[in-house]
Amino acid sequence: MISYTPKKINIYVQMAKKGLNQKTLSKKSKVHPSTISNFMNDRYCISPTTATKLAEILESKIEDLFEIQINPKEVSSK
């Protein structure tokens, strides 16, 4: 399984450059505000699709905004 952990500082910097807060990022991305809040507060891992969508809106590379981790046990068992 692949997990995307937010690099919070980088995300907040890009949001500030774009003049966005979590609410406006939610509206632009069509991602529920609680989803954004939960992943930014380490309560929830987001999907690759959502991570990609947020990176596009913030005009950043996905790897600049998220730490991408692959669980080797799950990869090798398939």
PDB file of N, CA and C in Angstrom:
ATOM      1  N   MET A   1       0.846  -1.182   0.000  1.00  0.00           N
ATOM      2  CA  MET A   1       0.000   0.000   0.000  1.00  0.00           C
ATOM      3  C   MET A   1       0.890   1.244   0.000  1.00  0.00           C
ATOM      4  N   ILE A   2       0.455   2.238  -0.697  1.00  0.00           N
ATOM      5  CA  ILE A   2       1.165   3.517  -0.747  1.00  0.00           C
ATOM      6  C   ILE A   2       0.437   4.493   0.173  1.00  0.00           C
ATOM      7  N   SER A   3       1.201   5.194   1.000  1.00  0.00           N
ATOM      8  CA  SER A   3       0.587   6.214   1.846  1.00  0.00           C
ATOM      9  C   SER A   3       1.227   7.569   1.547  1.00  0.00           C
ATOM     10  N   TYR A   4       0.419   8.591   1.661  1.00  0.00           N
ATOM     11  CA  TYR A   4       0.846   9.963   1.393  1.00  0.00           C
ATOM     12  C   TYR A   4       0.745  10.753   2.695  1.00  0.00           C
ATOM     13  N   THR A   5       1.888  11.130   3.245  1.00  0.00           N
ATOM     14  CA  THR A   5       1.931  11.915   4.467  1.00  0.00           C
ATOM     15  C   THR A   5       2.240  13.357   4.077  1.00  0.00           C
ATOM     16  N   PRO A   6       1.414  14.301   4.543  1.00  0.00           N
ATOM     17  CA  PRO A   6       1.632  15.688   4.125  1.00  0.00           C
ATOM     18  C   PRO A   6       2.910  16.284   4.693  1.00  0.00           C
ATOM     19  N   LYS A   7       3.604  17.024   3.845  1.00  0.00           N
ATOM     20  CA  LYS A   7       4.710  17.869   4.297  1.00  0.00           C
ATOM     21  C   LYS A   7       4.046  19.214   4.588  1.00  0.00           C
ATOM     22  N   LYS A   8       3.564  19.335   5.814  1.00  0.00           N
ATOM     23  CA  LYS A   8       2.671  20.437   6.180  1.00  0.00           C
ATOM     24  C   LYS A   8       3.232  21.815   5.855  1.00  0.00           C
ATOM     25  N   ILE A   9       4.486  22.045   6.198  1.00  0.00           N
ATOM     26  CA  ILE A   9       5.074  23.366   5.947  1.00  0.00           C
ATOM     27  C   ILE A   9       4.995  23.693   4.461  1.00  0.00           C
ATOM     28  N   ASN A  10       5.372  22.749   3.621  1.00  0.00           N
ATOM     29  CA  ASN A  10       5.351  22.985   2.173  1.00  0.00           C
ATOM     30  C   ASN A  10       3.932  23.255   1.678  1.00  0.00           C
ATOM     31  N   ILE A  11       2.974  22.508   2.196  1.00  0.00           N
ATOM     32  CA  ILE A  11       1.582  22.713   1.781  1.00  0.00           C
ATOM     33  C   ILE A  11       1.109  24.098   2.212  1.00  0.00           C
ATOM     34  N   TYR A  12       1.382  24.464   3.464  1.00  0.00           N
ATOM     35  CA  TYR A  12       0.944  25.778   3.942  1.00  0.00           C
ATOM     36  C   TYR A  12       1.630  26.921   3.190  1.00  0.00           C
ATOM     37  N   VAL A  13       2.900  26.752   2.843  1.00  0.00           N
ATOM     38  CA  VAL A  13       3.608  27.781   2.069  1.00  0.00           C
ATOM     39  C   VAL A  13       2.938  27.945   0.709  1.00  0.00           C
ATOM     40  N   GLN A  14       2.649  26.844   0.033  1.00  0.00           N
ATOM     41  CA  GLN A  14       2.003  26.921  -1.280  1.00  0.00           C
ATOM     42  C   GLN A  14       0.593  27.502  -1.168  1.00  0.00           C
ATOM     43  N   MET A  15      -0.121  27.135  -0.107  1.00  0.00           N
ATOM     44  CA  MET A  15      -1.452  27.709   0.099  1.00  0.00           C
ATOM     45  C   MET A  15      -1.347  29.218   0.275  1.00  0.00           C
ATOM     46  N   ALA A  16      -0.375  29.672   1.057  1.00  0.00           N
ATOM     47  CA  ALA A  16      -0.193  31.113   1.284  1.00  0.00           C
ATOM     48  C   ALA A  16       0.152  31.830  -0.012  1.00  0.00           C
ATOM     49  N   LYS A  17       1.029  31.234  -0.821  1.00  0.00           N
ATOM     50  CA  LYS A  17       1.390  31.840  -2.106  1.00  0.00           C
ATOM     51  C   LYS A  17       0.177  32.002  -3.003  1.00  0.00           C
ATOM     52  N   LYS A  18      -0.755  31.062  -2.904  1.00  0.00           N
ATOM     53  CA  LYS A  18      -1.966  31.100  -3.734  1.00  0.00           C
ATOM     54  C   LYS A  18      -3.098  31.880  -3.064  1.00  0.00           C
ATOM     55  N   GLY A  19      -2.887  32.320  -1.819  1.00  0.00           N
ATOM     56  CA  GLY A  19      -3.930  33.035  -1.091  1.00  0.00           C
ATOM     57  C   GLY A  19      -5.078  32.132  -0.677  1.00  0.00           C
ATOM     58  N   LEU A  20      -4.764  30.879  -0.377  1.00  0.00           N
ATOM     59  CA  LEU A  20      -5.794  29.906  -0.023  1.00  0.00           C
ATOM     60  C   LEU A  20      -5.717  29.533   1.453  1.00  0.00           C
ATOM     61  N   ASN A  21      -6.876  29.243   2.016  1.00  0.00           N
ATOM     62  CA  ASN A  21      -6.916  28.603   3.322  1.00  0.00           C
ATOM     63  C   ASN A  21      -7.519  27.212   3.107  1.00  0.00           C
ATOM     64  N   GLN A  22      -7.703  26.452   4.173  1.00  0.00           N
ATOM     65  CA  GLN A  22      -8.211  25.090   3.998  1.00  0.00           C
ATOM     66  C   GLN A  22      -9.608  25.081   3.367  1.00  0.00           C
ATOM     67  N   LYS A  23     -10.422  26.055   3.723  1.00  0.00           N
ATOM     68  CA  LYS A  23     -11.784  26.109   3.188  1.00  0.00           C
ATOM     69  C   LYS A  23     -11.777  26.364   1.676  1.00  0.00           C
ATOM     70  N   THR A  24     -10.977  27.321   1.227  1.00  0.00           N
ATOM     71  CA  THR A  24     -10.944  27.614  -0.209  1.00  0.00           C
ATOM     72  C   THR A  24     -10.246  26.500  -0.984  1.00  0.00           C
ATOM     73  N   LEU A  25      -9.242  25.868  -0.374  1.00  0.00           N
ATOM     74  CA  LEU A  25      -8.608  24.711  -1.010  1.00  0.00           C
ATOM     75  C   LEU A  25      -9.627  23.592  -1.175  1.00  0.00           C
ATOM     76  N   SER A  26     -10.462  23.424  -0.180  1.00  0.00           N
ATOM     77  CA  SER A  26     -11.519  22.415  -0.239  1.00  0.00           C
ATOM     78  C   SER A  26     -12.482  22.698  -1.393  1.00  0.00           C
ATOM     79  N   LYS A  27     -12.898  23.941  -1.524  1.00  0.00           N
ATOM     80  CA  LYS A  27     -13.830  24.296  -2.604  1.00  0.00           C
ATOM     81  C   LYS A  27     -13.204  24.089  -3.975  1.00  0.00           C
ATOM     82  N   LYS A  28     -11.968  24.537  -4.140  1.00  0.00           N
ATOM     83  CA  LYS A  28     -11.305  24.398  -5.446  1.00  0.00           C
ATOM     84  C   LYS A  28     -11.067  22.938  -5.814  1.00  0.00           C
ATOM     85  N   SER A  29     -10.749  22.122  -4.825  1.00  0.00           N
ATOM     86  CA  SER A  29     -10.411  20.724  -5.095  1.00  0.00           C
ATOM     87  C   SER A  29     -11.623  19.797  -5.059  1.00  0.00           C
ATOM     88  N   LYS A  30     -12.741  20.321  -4.539  1.00  0.00           N
ATOM     89  CA  LYS A  30     -13.945  19.506  -4.346  1.00  0.00           C
ATOM     90  C   LYS A  30     -13.667  18.329  -3.408  1.00  0.00           C
ATOM     91  N   VAL A  31     -12.787  18.587  -2.436  1.00  0.00           N
ATOM     92  CA  VAL A  31     -12.481  17.625  -1.379  1.00  0.00           C
ATOM     93  C   VAL A  31     -13.123  18.174  -0.108  1.00  0.00           C
ATOM     94  N   HIS A  32     -13.852  17.337   0.603  1.00  0.00           N
ATOM     95  CA  HIS A  32     -14.577  17.785   1.790  1.00  0.00           C
ATOM     96  C   HIS A  32     -13.615  18.454   2.779  1.00  0.00           C
ATOM     97  N   PRO A  33     -14.042  19.567   3.397  1.00  0.00           N
ATOM     98  CA  PRO A  33     -13.170  20.274   4.339  1.00  0.00           C
ATOM     99  C   PRO A  33     -12.650  19.384   5.470  1.00  0.00           C
ATOM    100  N   SER A  34     -13.485  18.470   5.943  1.00  0.00           N
ATOM    101  CA  SER A  34     -13.028  17.605   7.037  1.00  0.00           C
ATOM    102  C   SER A  34     -11.927  16.656   6.576  1.00  0.00           C
ATOM    103  N   THR A  35     -11.948  16.266   5.307  1.00  0.00           N
ATOM    104  CA  THR A  35     -10.887  15.409   4.774  1.00  0.00           C
ATOM    105  C   THR A  35      -9.557  16.155   4.789  1.00  0.00           C
ATOM    106  N   ILE A  36      -9.580  17.402   4.341  1.00  0.00           N
ATOM    107  CA  ILE A  36      -8.357  18.210   4.345  1.00  0.00           C
ATOM    108  C   ILE A  36      -7.875  18.427   5.774  1.00  0.00           C
ATOM    109  N   SER A  37      -8.774  18.778   6.657  1.00  0.00           N
ATOM    110  CA  SER A  37      -8.408  18.978   8.057  1.00  0.00           C
ATOM    111  C   SER A  37      -7.838  17.702   8.668  1.00  0.00           C
ATOM    112  N   ASN A  38      -8.480  16.580   8.409  1.00  0.00           N
ATOM    113  CA  ASN A  38      -8.029  15.315   8.996  1.00  0.00           C
ATOM    114  C   ASN A  38      -6.651  14.897   8.507  1.00  0.00           C
ATOM    115  N   PHE A  39      -6.369  15.039   7.223  1.00  0.00           N
ATOM    116  CA  PHE A  39      -5.044  14.621   6.769  1.00  0.00           C
ATOM    117  C   PHE A  39      -3.974  15.619   7.199  1.00  0.00           C
ATOM    118  N   MET A  40      -4.325  16.895   7.296  1.00  0.00           N
ATOM    119  CA  MET A  40      -3.346  17.884   7.750  1.00  0.00           C
ATOM    120  C   MET A  40      -3.036  17.718   9.244  1.00  0.00           C
ATOM    121  N   ASN A  41      -3.945  17.101   9.969  1.00  0.00           N
ATOM    122  CA  ASN A  41      -3.742  16.855  11.402  1.00  0.00           C
ATOM    123  C   ASN A  41      -3.371  15.402  11.688  1.00  0.00           C
ATOM    124  N   ASP A  42      -2.893  14.711  10.665  1.00  0.00           N
ATOM    125  CA  ASP A  42      -2.405  13.329  10.792  1.00  0.00           C
ATOM    126  C   ASP A  42      -3.452  12.344  11.312  1.00  0.00           C
ATOM    127  N   ARG A  43      -4.709  12.589  11.008  1.00  0.00           N
ATOM    128  CA  ARG A  43      -5.765  11.666  11.413  1.00  0.00           C
ATOM    129  C   ARG A  43      -6.222  10.771  10.277  1.00  0.00           C
ATOM    130  N   TYR A  44      -5.728  11.040   9.073  1.00  0.00           N
ATOM    131  CA  TYR A  44      -6.254  10.361   7.900  1.00  0.00           C
ATOM    132  C   TYR A  44      -5.210  10.416   6.797  1.00  0.00           C
ATOM    133  N   CYS A  45      -5.054   9.323   6.079  1.00  0.00           N
ATOM    134  CA  CYS A  45      -4.185   9.311   4.897  1.00  0.00           C
ATOM    135  C   CYS A  45      -5.063   9.532   3.672  1.00  0.00           C
ATOM    136  N   ILE A  46      -4.606  10.363   2.771  1.00  0.00           N
ATOM    137  CA  ILE A  46      -5.416  10.628   1.588  1.00  0.00           C
ATOM    138  C   ILE A  46      -5.021   9.697   0.452  1.00  0.00           C
ATOM    139  N   SER A  47      -5.901   9.613  -0.500  1.00  0.00           N
ATOM    140  CA  SER A  47      -5.678   8.744  -1.656  1.00  0.00           C
ATOM    141  C   SER A  47      -4.698   9.399  -2.626  1.00  0.00           C
ATOM    142  N   PRO A  48      -4.080   8.594  -3.480  1.00  0.00           N
ATOM    143  CA  PRO A  48      -3.205   9.166  -4.511  1.00  0.00           C
ATOM    144  C   PRO A  48      -3.943  10.164  -5.404  1.00  0.00           C
ATOM    145  N   THR A  49      -5.201   9.886  -5.688  1.00  0.00           N
ATOM    146  CA  THR A  49      -5.999  10.779  -6.533  1.00  0.00           C
ATOM    147  C   THR A  49      -6.163  12.147  -5.877  1.00  0.00           C
ATOM    148  N   THR A  50      -6.496  12.150  -4.592  1.00  0.00           N
ATOM    149  CA  THR A  50      -6.680  13.410  -3.874  1.00  0.00           C
ATOM    150  C   THR A  50      -5.360  14.156  -3.741  1.00  0.00           C
ATOM    151  N   ALA A  51      -4.285  13.443  -3.446  1.00  0.00           N
ATOM    152  CA  ALA A  51      -2.967  14.076  -3.340  1.00  0.00           C
ATOM    153  C   ALA A  51      -2.586  14.739  -4.660  1.00  0.00           C
ATOM    154  N   THR A  52      -2.846  14.052  -5.756  1.00  0.00           N
ATOM    155  CA  THR A  52      -2.543  14.598  -7.086  1.00  0.00           C
ATOM    156  C   THR A  52      -3.374  15.844  -7.365  1.00  0.00           C
ATOM    157  N   LYS A  53      -4.651  15.782  -7.018  1.00  0.00           N
ATOM    158  CA  LYS A  53      -5.553  16.920  -7.230  1.00  0.00           C
ATOM    159  C   LYS A  53      -5.069  18.149  -6.455  1.00  0.00           C
ATOM    160  N   LEU A  54      -4.685  17.951  -5.200  1.00  0.00           N
ATOM    161  CA  LEU A  54      -4.209  19.071  -4.386  1.00  0.00           C
ATOM    162  C   LEU A  54      -2.899  19.634  -4.931  1.00  0.00           C
ATOM    163  N   ALA A  55      -2.011  18.763  -5.367  1.00  0.00           N
ATOM    164  CA  ALA A  55      -0.738  19.220  -5.945  1.00  0.00           C
ATOM    165  C   ALA A  55      -0.986  20.058  -7.197  1.00  0.00           C
ATOM    166  N   GLU A  56      -1.941  19.643  -8.017  1.00  0.00           N
ATOM    167  CA  GLU A  56      -2.262  20.409  -9.229  1.00  0.00           C
ATOM    168  C   GLU A  56      -2.780  21.794  -8.874  1.00  0.00           C
ATOM    169  N   ILE A  57      -3.687  21.871  -7.914  1.00  0.00           N
ATOM    170  CA  ILE A  57      -4.251  23.162  -7.514  1.00  0.00           C
ATOM    171  C   ILE A  57      -3.166  24.069  -6.935  1.00  0.00           C
ATOM    172  N   LEU A  58      -2.254  23.478  -6.175  1.00  0.00           N
ATOM    173  CA  LEU A  58      -1.177  24.257  -5.565  1.00  0.00           C
ATOM    174  C   LEU A  58       0.014  24.442  -6.503  1.00  0.00           C
ATOM    175  N   GLU A  59      -0.134  23.938  -7.737  1.00  0.00           N
ATOM    176  CA  GLU A  59       0.902  24.053  -8.769  1.00  0.00           C
ATOM    177  C   GLU A  59       2.264  23.605  -8.242  1.00  0.00           C
ATOM    178  N   SER A  60       2.265  22.419  -7.665  1.00  0.00           N
ATOM    179  CA  SER A  60       3.475  21.838  -7.086  1.00  0.00           C
ATOM    180  C   SER A  60       3.603  20.387  -7.510  1.00  0.00           C
ATOM    181  N   LYS A  61       4.798  19.876  -7.381  1.00  0.00           N
ATOM    182  CA  LYS A  61       5.003  18.448  -7.600  1.00  0.00           C
ATOM    183  C   LYS A  61       4.482  17.705  -6.380  1.00  0.00           C
ATOM    184  N   ILE A  62       3.890  16.564  -6.614  1.00  0.00           N
ATOM    185  CA  ILE A  62       3.320  15.787  -5.513  1.00  0.00           C
ATOM    186  C   ILE A  62       4.380  15.440  -4.469  1.00  0.00           C
ATOM    187  N   GLU A  63       5.596  15.139  -4.925  1.00  0.00           N
ATOM    188  CA  GLU A  63       6.659  14.767  -3.981  1.00  0.00           C
ATOM    189  C   GLU A  63       7.157  15.955  -3.157  1.00  0.00           C
ATOM    190  N   ASP A  64       6.850  17.184  -3.588  1.00  0.00           N
ATOM    191  CA  ASP A  64       7.202  18.361  -2.796  1.00  0.00           C
ATOM    192  C   ASP A  64       6.207  18.593  -1.661  1.00  0.00           C
ATOM    193  N   LEU A  65       5.001  18.061  -1.813  1.00  0.00           N
ATOM    194  CA  LEU A  65       3.948  18.281  -0.821  1.00  0.00           C
ATOM    195  C   LEU A  65       3.679  17.082   0.075  1.00  0.00           C
ATOM    196  N   PHE A  66       4.069  15.903  -0.390  1.00  0.00           N
ATOM    197  CA  PHE A  66       3.757  14.681   0.351  1.00  0.00           C
ATOM    198  C   PHE A  66       4.958  13.754   0.419  1.00  0.00           C
ATOM    199  N   GLU A  67       5.112  13.120   1.558  1.00  0.00           N
ATOM    200  CA  GLU A  67       6.081  12.037   1.710  1.00  0.00           C
ATOM    201  C   GLU A  67       5.359  10.783   1.234  1.00  0.00           C
ATOM    202  N   ILE A  68       5.902  10.142   0.239  1.00  0.00           N
ATOM    203  CA  ILE A  68       5.267   8.960  -0.338  1.00  0.00           C
ATOM    204  C   ILE A  68       5.977   7.735   0.218  1.00  0.00           C
ATOM    205  N   GLN A  69       5.200   6.890   0.892  1.00  0.00           N
ATOM    206  CA  GLN A  69       5.769   5.694   1.508  1.00  0.00           C
ATOM    207  C   GLN A  69       5.086   4.457   0.955  1.00  0.00           C
ATOM    208  N   ILE A  70       5.897   3.453   0.684  1.00  0.00           N
ATOM    209  CA  ILE A  70       5.378   2.182   0.185  1.00  0.00           C
ATOM    210  C   ILE A  70       5.669   1.124   1.234  1.00  0.00           C
ATOM    211  N   ASN A  71       4.638   0.378   1.614  1.00  0.00           N
ATOM    212  CA  ASN A  71       4.805  -0.708   2.573  1.00  0.00           C
ATOM    213  C   ASN A  71       5.369  -1.910   1.830  1.00  0.00           C
ATOM    214  N   PRO A  72       6.646  -2.251   2.048  1.00  0.00           N
ATOM    215  CA  PRO A  72       7.264  -3.342   1.281  1.00  0.00           C
ATOM    216  C   PRO A  72       6.618  -4.700   1.528  1.00  0.00           C
ATOM    217  N   LYS A  73       6.066  -4.929   2.709  1.00  0.00           N
ATOM    218  CA  LYS A  73       5.411  -6.211   2.983  1.00  0.00           C
ATOM    219  C   LYS A  73       4.218  -6.418   2.065  1.00  0.00           C
ATOM    220  N   GLU A  74       3.438  -5.363   1.880  1.00  0.00           N
ATOM    221  CA  GLU A  74       2.257  -5.485   1.030  1.00  0.00           C
ATOM    222  C   GLU A  74       2.642  -5.625  -0.429  1.00  0.00           C
ATOM    223  N   VAL A  75       3.702  -4.970  -0.850  1.00  0.00           N
ATOM    224  CA  VAL A  75       4.146  -5.058  -2.239  1.00  0.00           C
ATOM    225  C   VAL A  75       4.681  -6.450  -2.525  1.00  0.00           C
ATOM    226  N   SER A  76       5.497  -6.999  -1.622  1.00  0.00           N
ATOM    227  CA  SER A  76       6.108  -8.304  -1.863  1.00  0.00           C
ATOM    228  C   SER A  76       5.127  -9.455  -1.733  1.00  0.00           C
ATOM    229  N   SER A  77       4.014  -9.248  -1.041  1.00  0.00           N
ATOM    230  CA  SER A  77       3.045 -10.331  -0.870  1.00  0.00           C
ATOM    231  C   SER A  77       2.102 -10.473  -2.053  1.00  0.00           C
ATOM    232  N   LYS A  78       2.182  -9.564  -3.001  1.00  0.00           N
ATOM    233  CA  LYS A  78       1.258  -9.613  -4.142  1.00  0.00           C
ATOM    234  C   LYS A  78       1.883 -10.246  -5.332  1.00  0.00           C
TER     235      LYS A  78
END
